[in-house]
Amino acid sequence: MITLKSEHEIELMRRAGKITAAARALARDMVKPGVTTQQIDKAVYHFIKSQGATPSFLNYNGYPASVCVSVNDEIIHGIPGKRVLKEGDIVSVDVGAYIGGFHGDCAGTYPCGQVSDQALDLIRVTQQSFFEGLKFAREGYRLSDISHAVQEYVESHGYSVVREYVGHGIGRRMHESPEVPNFGNPGHGPRLLRGMTIAVEPMVNAGSAAIRQMSDGWTVKTADGRNAAHYENTILITDGDPELLTDASASLV
């Protein structure tokens, strides 16, 4: 069941979204050669707690950290640890914060020092595919109109969309209805209504769409070992332009 949020609930989600976006920005700024993925996790944990919020991911279905940090061929759900980031890595950071009964969720992929032109292009295409989908995140369109726009943009640049993992509704729970695939034909799925809150998150592989699940039960890698990128924001459907609840430029004040 899809829940439409009241004005009061939307205000609470804005608060959660601002903290989440600020946590992503903190993680982004830490992506440098010599930094460990665990250092990023600890910094984000302390920041989220300092805002009076709780990391949404910590202990979620047993996940052992506050942030997912996925490097190079890791698509999503990389567990932070002793891994040291190196020049040329691309680093995907996925973070969530919970406050006032509601969650925010966002992600981004960032270059570590100087990276290849191909890696930069993958990052740019992944991010832009989100914004191509966002054009259809408006009242009256159908959910798959977003999905189709993402897929069409990604594949027009020669990349592949991951099929096994999708975006989702979000609110009082981290994952709510509906699922938001990054692929599919337009004109299908529920009609978008004001008050819907969804997390749209293209996961894009440089090569094949095929994936491998790692033995830790969390980390997902590309099957061919090529790079992957991830970009996500929490979106509110309004009676006009969609609102990014995890807008990086929004002030915490």
Protein backbone atom coordinates (compact mmCIF):
# COMPACT_ATOMS: atom_id res chain seq x y z
CA MET A 1 0.00 0.00 0.00
CA ILE A 2 1.34 3.43 -1.00
CA THR A 3 1.05 6.03 1.75
CA LEU A 4 0.51 9.69 0.84
CA LYS A 5 2.16 12.02 3.33
CA SER A 6 0.40 14.89 5.09
CA GLU A 7 1.91 18.39 5.24
CA HIS A 8 3.13 17.68 8.78
CA GLU A 9 4.72 14.40 7.72
CA ILE A 10 6.37 16.09 4.74
CA GLU A 11 7.93 18.66 7.07
CA LEU A 12 9.35 15.82 9.17
CA MET A 13 10.68 14.15 6.02
CA ARG A 14 12.32 17.42 4.94
CA ARG A 15 14.18 17.46 8.25
CA ALA A 16 15.35 13.86 7.83
CA GLY A 17 16.29 14.56 4.22
CA LYS A 18 18.44 17.58 5.05
CA ILE A 19 20.43 15.61 7.62
CA THR A 20 20.84 12.73 5.17
CA ALA A 21 22.01 15.04 2.37
CA ALA A 22 24.50 16.72 4.71
CA ALA A 23 25.83 13.29 5.72
CA ARG A 24 26.32 12.39 2.06
CA ALA A 25 28.19 15.67 1.52
CA LEU A 26 30.45 14.89 4.49
CA ALA A 27 31.22 11.45 3.07
CA ARG A 28 31.83 12.93 -0.39
CA ASP A 29 34.37 15.38 1.02
CA MET A 30 36.20 12.52 2.77
CA VAL A 31 36.76 10.55 -0.45
CA LYS A 32 40.52 11.05 -0.79
CA PRO A 33 43.54 8.76 -1.24
CA GLY A 34 44.66 7.30 2.10
CA VAL A 35 41.27 7.45 3.81
CA THR A 36 39.72 4.15 4.93
CA THR A 37 36.10 3.31 4.27
CA GLN A 38 35.72 2.77 8.02
CA GLN A 39 36.82 6.36 8.70
CA ILE A 40 34.01 7.57 6.44
CA ASP A 41 31.53 5.38 8.27
CA LYS A 42 32.58 6.63 11.70
CA ALA A 43 32.46 10.29 10.67
CA VAL A 44 28.98 9.93 9.19
CA TYR A 45 27.76 8.05 12.27
CA HIS A 46 28.93 10.81 14.59
CA PHE A 47 27.51 13.54 12.35
CA ILE A 48 24.05 11.95 12.14
CA LYS A 49 23.98 11.42 15.91
CA SER A 50 25.08 15.02 16.46
CA GLN A 51 21.94 16.14 14.62
CA GLY A 52 19.72 14.16 16.97
CA ALA A 53 19.05 11.52 14.33
CA THR A 54 19.86 7.82 13.99
CA PRO A 55 21.67 6.19 11.04
CA SER A 56 18.92 4.36 9.15
CA PHE A 57 21.22 1.60 7.90
CA LEU A 58 22.88 0.62 11.20
CA ASN A 59 21.56 -2.84 12.13
CA TYR A 60 18.94 -2.65 9.35
CA ASN A 61 18.30 -6.33 8.63
CA GLY A 62 21.63 -6.92 10.37
CA TYR A 63 23.72 -4.47 8.32
CA PRO A 64 26.78 -3.71 10.49
CA ALA A 65 27.52 -0.06 9.58
CA SER A 66 25.96 3.39 9.18
CA VAL A 67 27.00 3.88 5.54
CA CYS A 68 27.39 1.69 2.47
CA VAL A 69 30.75 2.45 0.83
CA SER A 70 31.16 0.65 -2.50
CA VAL A 71 34.41 1.01 -4.45
CA ASN A 72 34.98 0.54 -8.21
CA ASP A 73 33.28 -2.74 -9.24
CA GLU A 74 31.17 -2.80 -6.06
CA ILE A 75 27.70 -1.62 -7.06
CA ILE A 76 25.99 -1.30 -3.67
CA HIS A 77 26.07 -2.40 -0.02
CA GLY A 78 29.85 -2.34 0.41
CA ILE A 79 30.63 -2.76 4.12
CA PRO A 80 33.08 -0.17 5.49
CA GLY A 81 36.31 -1.58 6.89
CA LYS A 82 40.09 -1.30 6.66
CA ARG A 83 40.16 -0.77 2.91
CA VAL A 84 42.28 2.27 2.03
CA LEU A 85 41.03 4.41 -0.85
CA LYS A 86 43.51 4.88 -3.68
CA GLU A 87 44.03 7.47 -6.40
CA GLY A 88 41.79 6.54 -9.34
CA ASP A 89 39.11 4.76 -7.32
CA ILE A 90 35.47 5.71 -7.70
CA VAL A 91 33.54 5.50 -4.45
CA SER A 92 29.78 5.11 -4.03
CA VAL A 93 28.37 6.29 -0.71
CA ASP A 94 24.80 5.45 0.35
CA VAL A 95 23.44 6.93 3.57
CA GLY A 96 20.17 7.25 5.46
CA ALA A 97 19.06 9.15 8.56
CA TYR A 98 16.00 8.66 10.77
CA ILE A 99 14.48 11.41 12.90
CA GLY A 100 10.98 12.33 14.03
CA GLY A 101 9.63 9.00 12.82
CA PHE A 102 10.79 9.36 9.21
CA HIS A 103 13.74 8.36 7.02
CA GLY A 104 15.82 10.11 4.38
CA ASP A 105 17.91 8.14 1.87
CA CYS A 106 20.45 9.28 -0.72
CA ALA A 107 23.62 8.16 -2.49
CA GLY A 108 26.30 9.37 -4.86
CA THR A 109 29.50 8.18 -6.56
CA TYR A 110 32.62 10.30 -6.23
CA PRO A 111 36.12 10.28 -7.75
CA CYS A 112 39.09 9.63 -5.46
CA GLY A 113 41.76 12.02 -6.68
CA GLN A 114 42.37 11.88 -10.42
CA VAL A 115 40.29 9.21 -12.15
CA SER A 116 40.00 8.10 -15.77
CA ASP A 117 37.80 9.91 -18.25
CA GLN A 118 35.75 6.72 -18.59
CA ALA A 119 35.12 6.61 -14.85
CA LEU A 120 34.10 10.26 -14.79
CA ASP A 121 31.71 9.68 -17.67
CA LEU A 122 30.09 6.76 -15.85
CA ILE A 123 29.58 8.93 -12.76
CA ARG A 124 28.11 11.78 -14.81
CA VAL A 125 25.77 9.55 -16.82
CA THR A 126 24.52 7.82 -13.67
CA GLN A 127 23.76 11.14 -11.97
CA GLN A 128 22.14 12.62 -15.07
CA SER A 129 19.98 9.51 -15.53
CA PHE A 130 18.41 10.32 -12.17
CA PHE A 131 17.56 13.81 -13.38
CA GLU A 132 16.17 12.41 -16.64
CA GLY A 133 13.83 10.27 -14.54
CA LEU A 134 13.02 13.24 -12.30
CA LYS A 135 11.40 15.00 -15.27
CA PHE A 136 8.60 12.43 -15.01
CA ALA A 137 8.27 12.53 -11.20
CA ARG A 138 5.15 14.63 -11.51
CA GLU A 139 1.51 14.18 -10.67
CA GLY A 140 -0.33 12.34 -13.42
CA TYR A 141 2.59 10.39 -14.83
CA ARG A 142 2.98 6.70 -14.08
CA LEU A 143 5.81 5.21 -12.06
CA SER A 144 7.37 3.41 -15.01
CA ASP A 145 7.70 6.71 -16.88
CA ILE A 146 10.52 7.48 -14.43
CA SER A 147 11.97 3.99 -14.88
CA HIS A 148 11.92 4.18 -18.66
CA ALA A 149 13.60 7.60 -18.76
CA VAL A 150 16.45 6.34 -16.57
CA GLN A 151 16.98 3.21 -18.66
CA GLU A 152 16.81 5.02 -21.99
CA TYR A 153 19.41 7.60 -20.94
CA VAL A 154 21.80 5.04 -19.45
CA GLU A 155 21.64 2.67 -22.41
CA SER A 156 21.98 5.52 -24.92
CA HIS A 157 25.45 6.05 -23.42
CA GLY A 158 26.43 2.40 -23.74
CA TYR A 159 26.01 1.47 -20.06
CA SER A 160 23.76 -1.06 -18.31
CA VAL A 161 21.11 -0.73 -15.62
CA VAL A 162 21.12 -3.18 -12.71
CA ARG A 163 17.86 -5.18 -12.64
CA GLU A 164 17.98 -7.03 -9.32
CA TYR A 165 17.89 -3.91 -7.13
CA VAL A 166 15.49 -1.00 -7.45
CA GLY A 167 14.37 2.22 -5.81
CA HIS A 168 11.50 2.33 -3.35
CA GLY A 169 8.90 4.26 -1.47
CA ILE A 170 10.15 5.78 1.77
CA GLY A 171 8.66 7.34 4.88
CA ARG A 172 8.08 5.85 8.30
CA ARG A 173 9.91 2.81 6.96
CA MET A 174 13.10 2.84 4.93
CA HIS A 175 11.54 0.64 2.26
CA GLU A 176 7.85 1.16 1.49
CA SER A 177 5.66 0.57 -1.55
CA PRO A 178 6.05 1.08 -4.43
CA GLU A 179 9.21 -0.42 -5.88
CA VAL A 180 10.85 1.98 -8.36
CA PRO A 181 12.77 0.06 -11.05
CA ASN A 182 15.36 1.79 -13.23
CA PHE A 183 14.08 0.02 -16.34
CA GLY A 184 10.82 -0.82 -18.08
CA ASN A 185 8.29 0.40 -20.60
CA PRO A 186 6.52 3.72 -19.98
CA GLY A 187 2.88 4.01 -18.97
CA HIS A 188 2.79 1.28 -16.33
CA GLY A 189 2.54 1.08 -12.57
CA PRO A 190 0.71 3.35 -10.13
CA ARG A 191 -0.14 6.88 -11.14
CA LEU A 192 1.97 9.44 -9.30
CA LEU A 193 0.03 11.51 -6.76
CA ARG A 194 1.00 14.51 -4.65
CA GLY A 195 2.20 13.39 -1.23
CA MET A 196 4.03 10.33 -2.53
CA THR A 197 7.65 10.06 -1.37
CA ILE A 198 10.00 7.81 -3.32
CA ALA A 199 13.72 7.10 -3.48
CA VAL A 200 14.89 6.95 -7.09
CA GLU A 201 18.34 5.38 -7.37
CA PRO A 202 19.94 4.42 -10.68
CA MET A 203 22.60 1.72 -10.27
CA VAL A 204 24.64 1.67 -13.46
CA ASN A 205 27.35 -0.72 -14.67
CA ALA A 206 30.03 0.27 -17.16
CA GLY A 207 29.77 -3.15 -18.80
CA SER A 208 27.23 -5.94 -18.46
CA ALA A 209 24.19 -5.57 -16.18
CA ALA A 210 25.03 -8.92 -14.56
CA ILE A 211 25.89 -8.91 -10.85
CA ARG A 212 27.66 -11.08 -8.27
CA GLN A 213 26.61 -11.34 -4.63
CA MET A 214 29.60 -11.53 -2.28
CA SER A 215 29.96 -14.05 0.54
CA ASP A 216 29.52 -11.32 3.20
CA GLY A 217 25.82 -11.40 2.30
CA TRP A 218 25.74 -7.69 1.47
CA THR A 219 28.26 -6.47 -1.09
CA VAL A 220 27.07 -6.63 -4.71
CA LYS A 221 29.67 -6.45 -7.49
CA THR A 222 29.57 -6.32 -11.27
CA ALA A 223 29.97 -9.80 -12.74
CA ASP A 224 32.55 -8.61 -15.28
CA GLY A 225 34.66 -6.63 -12.81
CA ARG A 226 34.07 -3.29 -14.50
CA ASN A 227 33.14 -0.16 -12.58
CA ALA A 228 29.67 0.73 -11.33
CA ALA A 229 28.08 3.96 -10.10
CA HIS A 230 25.05 4.83 -7.96
CA TYR A 231 23.04 8.01 -7.49
CA GLU A 232 19.95 8.51 -5.32
CA ASN A 233 17.69 11.13 -3.81
CA THR A 234 14.46 11.07 -1.84
CA ILE A 235 11.73 12.80 -3.89
CA LEU A 236 8.38 14.32 -2.97
CA ILE A 237 5.65 14.35 -5.63
CA THR A 238 3.87 17.72 -5.51
CA ASP A 239 1.21 19.48 -7.58
CA GLY A 240 4.07 20.96 -9.63
CA ASP A 241 7.80 20.35 -9.83
CA PRO A 242 9.08 17.42 -7.73
CA GLU A 243 10.93 18.35 -4.56
CA LEU A 244 14.29 16.81 -3.66
CA LEU A 245 14.03 16.11 0.05
CA THR A 246 17.75 15.22 0.06
CA ASP A 247 18.86 18.36 -1.79
CA ALA A 248 22.54 18.89 -1.02
CA SER A 249 22.12 22.66 -1.16
CA ALA A 250 19.41 22.78 1.52
CA SER A 251 20.47 24.36 4.81
CA LEU A 252 20.22 22.44 8.08
CA VAL A 253 19.19 25.62 9.90
